[in-house]
Amino acid sequence: MLPKADAETMTLHLAEIGRAVTPGCHAVVVLDGAGLHRTGGRLRVPDNVSLLKLPPYSPELNPVENVWQFLRQNKLSNRVFENYRAIVDACCDAWNALLTEPGRIHSIATRAWAEVSL
């Protein structure tokens, strides 16, 4: 969890992804038109990460949009938070709970039209 979304924090995020990639492999990060993704070339992208920019106004192409929707609807909605720290804690708890359910992530983020048969 970071307190803001800008080129600097996006660079930190990409570095973390790069560290998590299995040696010898490569990650592709899907980007929508969010402001932090349009930073005028200020992002520092690790060598083992590529950025795939989606066309404007195409949230249906970005599977993570379904992940955010699931978290909002099932973990974070209809609540009143006492303060900023409570919001951060609730978001971290929701994210960590979702990480324990890889099958659920697969079910809400998979696109049948994007499946590859090997």
C-alpha atoms as a PDB file:
ATOM      1  CA  MET A   1       0.000   0.000   0.000  1.00  0.00           C
ATOM      2  CA  LEU A   2       1.316   3.359  -1.011  1.00  0.00           C
ATOM      3  CA  PRO A   3      -0.181   6.734  -0.056  1.00  0.00           C
ATOM      4  CA  LYS A   4      -0.311   8.092  -3.596  1.00  0.00           C
ATOM      5  CA  ALA A   5      -0.286   6.998  -7.226  1.00  0.00           C
ATOM      6  CA  ASP A   6       2.279   8.688  -9.422  1.00  0.00           C
ATOM      7  CA  ALA A   7       5.305   7.874 -11.578  1.00  0.00           C
ATOM      8  CA  GLU A   8       7.522   7.358  -8.539  1.00  0.00           C
ATOM      9  CA  THR A   9       5.196   4.867  -6.838  1.00  0.00           C
ATOM     10  CA  MET A  10       4.467   3.111 -10.148  1.00  0.00           C
ATOM     11  CA  THR A  11       8.216   2.682 -10.618  1.00  0.00           C
ATOM     12  CA  LEU A  12       8.404   1.119  -7.136  1.00  0.00           C
ATOM     13  CA  HIS A  13       5.527  -1.196  -8.078  1.00  0.00           C
ATOM     14  CA  LEU A  14       7.242  -2.274 -11.299  1.00  0.00           C
ATOM     15  CA  ALA A  15      10.505  -2.897  -9.431  1.00  0.00           C
ATOM     16  CA  GLU A  16       8.647  -5.146  -6.991  1.00  0.00           C
ATOM     17  CA  ILE A  17       7.101  -7.069  -9.885  1.00  0.00           C
ATOM     18  CA  GLY A  18      10.537  -7.404 -11.479  1.00  0.00           C
ATOM     19  CA  ARG A  19      11.951  -8.880  -8.258  1.00  0.00           C
ATOM     20  CA  ALA A  20       9.109 -11.420  -8.104  1.00  0.00           C
ATOM     21  CA  VAL A  21       9.629 -12.728 -11.649  1.00  0.00           C
ATOM     22  CA  THR A  22      11.236 -16.157 -11.791  1.00  0.00           C
ATOM     23  CA  PRO A  23      14.826 -15.873 -13.060  1.00  0.00           C
ATOM     24  CA  GLY A  24      14.946 -16.420 -16.810  1.00  0.00           C
ATOM     25  CA  CYS A  25      11.290 -15.425 -17.219  1.00  0.00           C
ATOM     26  CA  HIS A  26       9.602 -12.194 -18.240  1.00  0.00           C
ATOM     27  CA  ALA A  27       6.498 -10.389 -16.948  1.00  0.00           C
ATOM     28  CA  VAL A  28       3.961  -8.403 -18.944  1.00  0.00           C
ATOM     29  CA  VAL A  29       2.088  -5.694 -17.040  1.00  0.00           C
ATOM     30  CA  VAL A  30      -1.203  -4.531 -18.547  1.00  0.00           C
ATOM     31  CA  LEU A  31      -1.754  -0.774 -18.271  1.00  0.00           C
ATOM     32  CA  ASP A  32      -4.922   1.200 -18.814  1.00  0.00           C
ATOM     33  CA  GLY A  33      -5.122   4.939 -19.299  1.00  0.00           C
ATOM     34  CA  ALA A  34      -4.696   5.852 -15.626  1.00  0.00           C
ATOM     35  CA  GLY A  35      -2.673   8.988 -15.025  1.00  0.00           C
ATOM     36  CA  LEU A  36       0.115   7.149 -13.245  1.00  0.00           C
ATOM     37  CA  HIS A  37       0.591   5.037 -16.377  1.00  0.00           C
ATOM     38  CA  ARG A  38       0.938   8.135 -18.589  1.00  0.00           C
ATOM     39  CA  THR A  39       4.021   9.659 -17.043  1.00  0.00           C
ATOM     40  CA  GLY A  40       5.798  11.047 -20.080  1.00  0.00           C
ATOM     41  CA  GLY A  41       8.574   8.471 -20.061  1.00  0.00           C
ATOM     42  CA  ARG A  42       9.433   8.903 -16.370  1.00  0.00           C
ATOM     43  CA  LEU A  43       8.765   5.251 -15.428  1.00  0.00           C
ATOM     44  CA  ARG A  44      11.790   3.076 -14.840  1.00  0.00           C
ATOM     45  CA  VAL A  45      10.877  -0.402 -16.095  1.00  0.00           C
ATOM     46  CA  PRO A  46      13.001  -3.411 -15.080  1.00  0.00           C
ATOM     47  CA  ASP A  47      14.594  -5.374 -17.932  1.00  0.00           C
ATOM     48  CA  ASN A  48      12.452  -8.435 -17.120  1.00  0.00           C
ATOM     49  CA  VAL A  49       9.164  -6.511 -17.357  1.00  0.00           C
ATOM     50  CA  SER A  50       7.293  -5.232 -20.432  1.00  0.00           C
ATOM     51  CA  LEU A  51       4.360  -2.827 -20.430  1.00  0.00           C
ATOM     52  CA  LEU A  52       1.269  -3.574 -22.542  1.00  0.00           C
ATOM     53  CA  LYS A  53      -0.830  -0.442 -22.967  1.00  0.00           C
ATOM     54  CA  LEU A  54      -4.530  -0.981 -23.594  1.00  0.00           C
ATOM     55  CA  PRO A  55      -6.555   1.185 -25.960  1.00  0.00           C
ATOM     56  CA  PRO A  56      -8.419   4.084 -24.303  1.00  0.00           C
ATOM     57  CA  TYR A  57     -11.816   3.360 -22.745  1.00  0.00           C
ATOM     58  CA  SER A  58     -11.456  -0.423 -22.753  1.00  0.00           C
ATOM     59  CA  PRO A  59     -11.809  -1.619 -19.131  1.00  0.00           C
ATOM     60  CA  GLU A  60     -13.260  -4.906 -20.399  1.00  0.00           C
ATOM     61  CA  LEU A  61      -9.782  -5.781 -21.703  1.00  0.00           C
ATOM     62  CA  ASN A  62      -8.153  -5.336 -18.300  1.00  0.00           C
ATOM     63  CA  PRO A  63      -8.853  -8.341 -16.057  1.00  0.00           C
ATOM     64  CA  VAL A  64      -7.689  -6.556 -12.916  1.00  0.00           C
ATOM     65  CA  GLU A  65     -10.767  -4.324 -13.180  1.00  0.00           C
ATOM     66  CA  ASN A  66     -12.806  -7.383 -12.136  1.00  0.00           C
ATOM     67  CA  VAL A  67     -10.475  -7.951  -9.189  1.00  0.00           C
ATOM     68  CA  TRP A  68     -11.009  -4.373  -7.967  1.00  0.00           C
ATOM     69  CA  GLN A  69     -14.768  -4.733  -8.457  1.00  0.00           C
ATOM     70  CA  PHE A  70     -14.796  -7.972  -6.454  1.00  0.00           C
ATOM     71  CA  LEU A  71     -12.837  -6.384  -3.600  1.00  0.00           C
ATOM     72  CA  ARG A  72     -15.083  -3.322  -3.515  1.00  0.00           C
ATOM     73  CA  GLN A  73     -18.292  -5.357  -3.581  1.00  0.00           C
ATOM     74  CA  ASN A  74     -17.270  -8.149  -1.214  1.00  0.00           C
ATOM     75  CA  LYS A  75     -14.723  -6.701   1.184  1.00  0.00           C
ATOM     76  CA  LEU A  76     -14.802  -2.913   1.216  1.00  0.00           C
ATOM     77  CA  SER A  77     -18.351  -1.710   0.564  1.00  0.00           C
ATOM     78  CA  ASN A  78     -21.010  -0.563   3.021  1.00  0.00           C
ATOM     79  CA  ARG A  79     -18.470   0.348   5.681  1.00  0.00           C
ATOM     80  CA  VAL A  80     -17.524   3.480   7.536  1.00  0.00           C
ATOM     81  CA  PHE A  81     -13.858   3.872   8.354  1.00  0.00           C
ATOM     82  CA  GLU A  82     -12.657   5.798  11.376  1.00  0.00           C
ATOM     83  CA  ASN A  83      -9.539   7.170   9.732  1.00  0.00           C
ATOM     84  CA  TYR A  84      -7.000   6.770   6.954  1.00  0.00           C
ATOM     85  CA  ARG A  85      -5.170   3.974   8.792  1.00  0.00           C
ATOM     86  CA  ALA A  86      -8.422   1.976   9.038  1.00  0.00           C
ATOM     87  CA  ILE A  87      -8.891   2.317   5.273  1.00  0.00           C
ATOM     88  CA  VAL A  88      -5.349   1.118   4.583  1.00  0.00           C
ATOM     89  CA  ASP A  89      -5.758  -1.793   7.010  1.00  0.00           C
ATOM     90  CA  ALA A  90      -9.073  -2.822   5.429  1.00  0.00           C
ATOM     91  CA  CYS A  91      -7.560  -2.694   1.932  1.00  0.00           C
ATOM     92  CA  CYS A  92      -4.547  -4.752   3.020  1.00  0.00           C
ATOM     93  CA  ASP A  93      -6.783  -7.296   4.762  1.00  0.00           C
ATOM     94  CA  ALA A  94      -9.012  -7.580   1.685  1.00  0.00           C
ATOM     95  CA  TRP A  95      -6.047  -8.010  -0.660  1.00  0.00           C
ATOM     96  CA  ASN A  96      -4.315 -10.568   1.572  1.00  0.00           C
ATOM     97  CA  ALA A  97      -7.548 -12.557   1.933  1.00  0.00           C
ATOM     98  CA  LEU A  98      -7.939 -12.644  -1.837  1.00  0.00           C
ATOM     99  CA  LEU A  99      -4.356 -13.859  -2.270  1.00  0.00           C
ATOM    100  CA  THR A 100      -5.230 -16.981  -0.286  1.00  0.00           C
ATOM    101  CA  GLU A 101      -7.806 -17.865  -2.972  1.00  0.00           C
ATOM    102  CA  PRO A 102      -5.935 -18.303  -6.271  1.00  0.00           C
ATOM    103  CA  GLY A 103      -8.920 -20.146  -7.750  1.00  0.00           C
ATOM    104  CA  ARG A 104     -11.146 -17.142  -7.125  1.00  0.00           C
ATOM    105  CA  ILE A 105      -8.612 -14.791  -8.691  1.00  0.00           C
ATOM    106  CA  HIS A 106      -8.494 -17.061 -11.733  1.00  0.00           C
ATOM    107  CA  SER A 107     -12.285 -17.198 -11.968  1.00  0.00           C
ATOM    108  CA  ILE A 108     -12.805 -13.438 -11.807  1.00  0.00           C
ATOM    109  CA  ALA A 109      -9.812 -12.375 -13.908  1.00  0.00           C
ATOM    110  CA  THR A 110      -9.759 -14.969 -16.694  1.00  0.00           C
ATOM    111  CA  ARG A 111     -11.133 -14.147 -20.112  1.00  0.00           C
ATOM    112  CA  ALA A 112     -12.311 -17.170 -22.109  1.00  0.00           C
ATOM    113  CA  TRP A 113     -11.351 -15.458 -25.370  1.00  0.00           C
ATOM    114  CA  ALA A 114      -7.773 -15.053 -24.113  1.00  0.00           C
ATOM    115  CA  GLU A 115      -7.226 -18.695 -23.131  1.00  0.00           C
ATOM    116  CA  VAL A 116      -4.316 -20.348 -24.900  1.00  0.00           C
ATOM    117  CA  SER A 117      -4.346 -24.059 -25.667  1.00  0.00           C
ATOM    118  CA  LEU A 118      -0.960 -25.697 -25.599  1.00  0.00           C
END
